[in-house]
Amino acid sequence: MKNDYEHSQTELDAHANDCNPNNDAYWQSRDYDERPDNWKELIEDDD
């Protein structure tokens, strides 16, 4: 099934931010208020 919907640049940017642990939006989508100071350690623990 083909999806003819074209995502806007705003939607693409929001998705990229949600997937980027260096971005506050990533952490906010995971119930944090902002990116924690120890974010690199938290990411390494997920591996």
PDB file of N, CA and C in Angstrom:
ATOM      1  N   MET A   1       0.842  -1.178   0.000  1.00  0.00           N
ATOM      2  CA  MET A   1       0.000   0.000   0.000  1.00  0.00           C
ATOM      3  C   MET A   1       0.891   1.246   0.000  1.00  0.00           C
ATOM      4  N   LYS A   2       0.635   2.137  -0.902  1.00  0.00           N
ATOM      5  CA  LYS A   2       1.446   3.342  -1.034  1.00  0.00           C
ATOM      6  C   LYS A   2       0.842   4.470  -0.203  1.00  0.00           C
ATOM      7  N   ASN A   3       1.718   5.189   0.499  1.00  0.00           N
ATOM      8  CA  ASN A   3       1.293   6.336   1.300  1.00  0.00           C
ATOM      9  C   ASN A   3       1.630   7.598   0.512  1.00  0.00           C
ATOM     10  N   ASP A   4       0.597   8.330   0.084  1.00  0.00           N
ATOM     11  CA  ASP A   4       0.807   9.534  -0.719  1.00  0.00           C
ATOM     12  C   ASP A   4       1.003  10.780   0.129  1.00  0.00           C
ATOM     13  N   TYR A   5       0.968  10.635   1.446  1.00  0.00           N
ATOM     14  CA  TYR A   5       1.120  11.793   2.327  1.00  0.00           C
ATOM     15  C   TYR A   5       2.582  12.225   2.358  1.00  0.00           C
ATOM     16  N   GLU A   6       2.810  13.500   2.131  1.00  0.00           N
ATOM     17  CA  GLU A   6       4.163  14.046   2.223  1.00  0.00           C
ATOM     18  C   GLU A   6       4.284  14.813   3.531  1.00  0.00           C
ATOM     19  N   HIS A   7       5.259  14.442   4.334  1.00  0.00           N
ATOM     20  CA  HIS A   7       5.476  15.096   5.615  1.00  0.00           C
ATOM     21  C   HIS A   7       6.066  16.487   5.402  1.00  0.00           C
ATOM     22  N   SER A   8       5.620  17.417   6.224  1.00  0.00           N
ATOM     23  CA  SER A   8       6.169  18.768   6.160  1.00  0.00           C
ATOM     24  C   SER A   8       7.559  18.779   6.788  1.00  0.00           C
ATOM     25  N   GLN A   9       8.312  19.807   6.504  1.00  0.00           N
ATOM     26  CA  GLN A   9       9.639  19.933   7.098  1.00  0.00           C
ATOM     27  C   GLN A   9       9.536  20.023   8.615  1.00  0.00           C
ATOM     28  N   THR A  10       8.503  20.674   9.109  1.00  0.00           N
ATOM     29  CA  THR A  10       8.294  20.778  10.557  1.00  0.00           C
ATOM     30  C   THR A  10       8.081  19.408  11.175  1.00  0.00           C
ATOM     31  N   GLU A  11       7.288  18.567  10.513  1.00  0.00           N
ATOM     32  CA  GLU A  11       7.056  17.206  11.011  1.00  0.00           C
ATOM     33  C   GLU A  11       8.342  16.382  10.978  1.00  0.00           C
ATOM     34  N   LEU A  12       9.093  16.518   9.905  1.00  0.00           N
ATOM     35  CA  LEU A  12      10.364  15.786   9.796  1.00  0.00           C
ATOM     36  C   LEU A  12      11.350  16.236  10.866  1.00  0.00           C
ATOM     37  N   ASP A  13      11.405  17.540  11.109  1.00  0.00           N
ATOM     38  CA  ASP A  13      12.304  18.069  12.141  1.00  0.00           C
ATOM     39  C   ASP A  13      11.892  17.586  13.524  1.00  0.00           C
ATOM     40  N   ALA A  14      10.592  17.577  13.797  1.00  0.00           N
ATOM     41  CA  ALA A  14      10.102  17.123  15.095  1.00  0.00           C
ATOM     42  C   ALA A  14      10.448  15.653  15.308  1.00  0.00           C
ATOM     43  N   HIS A  15      10.294  14.850  14.280  1.00  0.00           N
ATOM     44  CA  HIS A  15      10.641  13.429  14.389  1.00  0.00           C
ATOM     45  C   HIS A  15      12.140  13.254  14.644  1.00  0.00           C
ATOM     46  N   ALA A  16      12.948  14.011  13.928  1.00  0.00           N
ATOM     47  CA  ALA A  16      14.402  13.931  14.123  1.00  0.00           C
ATOM     48  C   ALA A  16      14.771  14.325  15.547  1.00  0.00           C
ATOM     49  N   ASN A  17      14.152  15.368  16.068  1.00  0.00           N
ATOM     50  CA  ASN A  17      14.432  15.799  17.442  1.00  0.00           C
ATOM     51  C   ASN A  17      14.017  14.741  18.455  1.00  0.00           C
ATOM     52  N   ASP A  18      12.876  14.082  18.204  1.00  0.00           N
ATOM     53  CA  ASP A  18      12.403  13.029  19.113  1.00  0.00           C
ATOM     54  C   ASP A  18      13.327  11.823  19.127  1.00  0.00           C
ATOM     55  N   CYS A  19      14.109  11.644  18.075  1.00  0.00           N
ATOM     56  CA  CYS A  19      15.022  10.502  17.969  1.00  0.00           C
ATOM     57  C   CYS A  19      16.450  10.840  18.371  1.00  0.00           C
ATOM     58  N   ASN A  20      16.701  12.081  18.743  1.00  0.00           N
ATOM     59  CA  ASN A  20      18.052  12.546  19.028  1.00  0.00           C
ATOM     60  C   ASN A  20      18.226  12.759  20.531  1.00  0.00           C
ATOM     61  N   PRO A  21      18.996  11.903  21.211  1.00  0.00           N
ATOM     62  CA  PRO A  21      19.149  12.033  22.661  1.00  0.00           C
ATOM     63  C   PRO A  21      19.862  13.301  23.100  1.00  0.00           C
ATOM     64  N   ASN A  22      20.442  14.039  22.180  1.00  0.00           N
ATOM     65  CA  ASN A  22      21.069  15.306  22.510  1.00  0.00           C
ATOM     66  C   ASN A  22      20.037  16.442  22.565  1.00  0.00           C
ATOM     67  N   ASN A  23      18.798  16.138  22.226  1.00  0.00           N
ATOM     68  CA  ASN A  23      17.750  17.145  22.130  1.00  0.00           C
ATOM     69  C   ASN A  23      16.748  17.003  23.281  1.00  0.00           C
ATOM     70  N   ASP A  24      16.303  18.121  23.844  1.00  0.00           N
ATOM     71  CA  ASP A  24      15.320  18.090  24.937  1.00  0.00           C
ATOM     72  C   ASP A  24      14.043  17.354  24.538  1.00  0.00           C
ATOM     73  N   ALA A  25      13.633  17.463  23.277  1.00  0.00           N
ATOM     74  CA  ALA A  25      12.396  16.809  22.827  1.00  0.00           C
ATOM     75  C   ALA A  25      12.472  15.294  23.009  1.00  0.00           C
ATOM     76  N   TYR A  26      13.644  14.716  22.827  1.00  0.00           N
ATOM     77  CA  TYR A  26      13.846  13.279  23.044  1.00  0.00           C
ATOM     78  C   TYR A  26      13.480  12.912  24.481  1.00  0.00           C
ATOM     79  N   TRP A  27      13.990  13.698  25.411  1.00  0.00           N
ATOM     80  CA  TRP A  27      13.782  13.401  26.823  1.00  0.00           C
ATOM     81  C   TRP A  27      12.366  13.747  27.264  1.00  0.00           C
ATOM     82  N   GLN A  28      11.802  14.804  26.713  1.00  0.00           N
ATOM     83  CA  GLN A  28      10.433  15.173  27.058  1.00  0.00           C
ATOM     84  C   GLN A  28       9.456  14.107  26.595  1.00  0.00           C
ATOM     85  N   SER A  29       9.740  13.446  25.481  1.00  0.00           N
ATOM     86  CA  SER A  29       8.869  12.368  25.006  1.00  0.00           C
ATOM     87  C   SER A  29       9.024  11.111  25.858  1.00  0.00           C
ATOM     88  N   ARG A  30       9.999  11.128  26.754  1.00  0.00           N
ATOM     89  CA  ARG A  30      10.236  10.003  27.671  1.00  0.00           C
ATOM     90  C   ARG A  30      10.018  10.417  29.128  1.00  0.00           C
ATOM     91  N   ASP A  31       9.145  11.400  29.322  1.00  0.00           N
ATOM     92  CA  ASP A  31       8.689  11.850  30.650  1.00  0.00           C
ATOM     93  C   ASP A  31       9.752  12.543  31.496  1.00  0.00           C
ATOM     94  N   TYR A  32      10.748  13.142  30.869  1.00  0.00           N
ATOM     95  CA  TYR A  32      11.696  14.015  31.562  1.00  0.00           C
ATOM     96  C   TYR A  32      11.281  15.456  31.270  1.00  0.00           C
ATOM     97  N   ASP A  33      11.631  16.373  32.157  1.00  0.00           N
ATOM     98  CA  ASP A  33      11.344  17.786  31.907  1.00  0.00           C
ATOM     99  C   ASP A  33      12.298  18.377  30.870  1.00  0.00           C
ATOM    100  N   GLU A  34      13.518  17.885  30.856  1.00  0.00           N
ATOM    101  CA  GLU A  34      14.548  18.346  29.931  1.00  0.00           C
ATOM    102  C   GLU A  34      15.631  17.284  29.867  1.00  0.00           C
ATOM    103  N   ARG A  35      16.633  17.512  29.037  1.00  0.00           N
ATOM    104  CA  ARG A  35      17.741  16.560  28.939  1.00  0.00           C
ATOM    105  C   ARG A  35      18.503  16.547  30.256  1.00  0.00           C
ATOM    106  N   PRO A  36      18.649  15.379  30.879  1.00  0.00           N
ATOM    107  CA  PRO A  36      19.386  15.309  32.142  1.00  0.00           C
ATOM    108  C   PRO A  36      20.883  15.536  31.937  1.00  0.00           C
ATOM    109  N   ASP A  37      21.534  15.993  32.985  1.00  0.00           N
ATOM    110  CA  ASP A  37      22.977  16.245  32.912  1.00  0.00           C
ATOM    111  C   ASP A  37      23.764  14.975  32.588  1.00  0.00           C
ATOM    112  N   ASN A  38      23.289  13.840  33.049  1.00  0.00           N
ATOM    113  CA  ASN A  38      23.991  12.576  32.819  1.00  0.00           C
ATOM    114  C   ASN A  38      23.399  11.807  31.630  1.00  0.00           C
ATOM    115  N   TRP A  39      22.912  12.523  30.632  1.00  0.00           N
ATOM    116  CA  TRP A  39      22.226  11.893  29.508  1.00  0.00           C
ATOM    117  C   TRP A  39      23.097  10.896  28.758  1.00  0.00           C
ATOM    118  N   LYS A  40      24.384  11.161  28.652  1.00  0.00           N
ATOM    119  CA  LYS A  40      25.260  10.230  27.933  1.00  0.00           C
ATOM    120  C   LYS A  40      25.344   8.889  28.661  1.00  0.00           C
ATOM    121  N   GLU A  41      25.403   8.934  29.972  1.00  0.00           N
ATOM    122  CA  GLU A  41      25.443   7.701  30.760  1.00  0.00           C
ATOM    123  C   GLU A  41      24.138   6.925  30.600  1.00  0.00           C
ATOM    124  N   LEU A  42      23.022   7.624  30.587  1.00  0.00           N
ATOM    125  CA  LEU A  42      21.724   6.960  30.427  1.00  0.00           C
ATOM    126  C   LEU A  42      21.616   6.289  29.059  1.00  0.00           C
ATOM    127  N   ILE A  43      22.142   6.929  28.034  1.00  0.00           N
ATOM    128  CA  ILE A  43      22.110   6.341  26.686  1.00  0.00           C
ATOM    129  C   ILE A  43      22.995   5.106  26.633  1.00  0.00           C
ATOM    130  N   GLU A  44      24.168   5.178  27.235  1.00  0.00           N
ATOM    131  CA  GLU A  44      25.093   4.037  27.234  1.00  0.00           C
ATOM    132  C   GLU A  44      24.472   2.848  27.966  1.00  0.00           C
ATOM    133  N   ASP A  45      23.693   3.110  29.008  1.00  0.00           N
ATOM    134  CA  ASP A  45      23.043   2.031  29.750  1.00  0.00           C
ATOM    135  C   ASP A  45      21.999   1.298  28.928  1.00  0.00           C
ATOM    136  N   ASP A  46      21.439   1.966  27.906  1.00  0.00           N
ATOM    137  CA  ASP A  46      20.433   1.344  27.032  1.00  0.00           C
ATOM    138  C   ASP A  46      21.037   0.371  26.040  1.00  0.00           C
ATOM    139  N   ASP A  47      22.339   0.477  25.790  1.00  0.00           N
ATOM    140  CA  ASP A  47      22.988  -0.396  24.798  1.00  0.00           C
ATOM    141  C   ASP A  47      23.134  -1.809  25.279  1.00  0.00           C
TER     142      ASP A  47
END
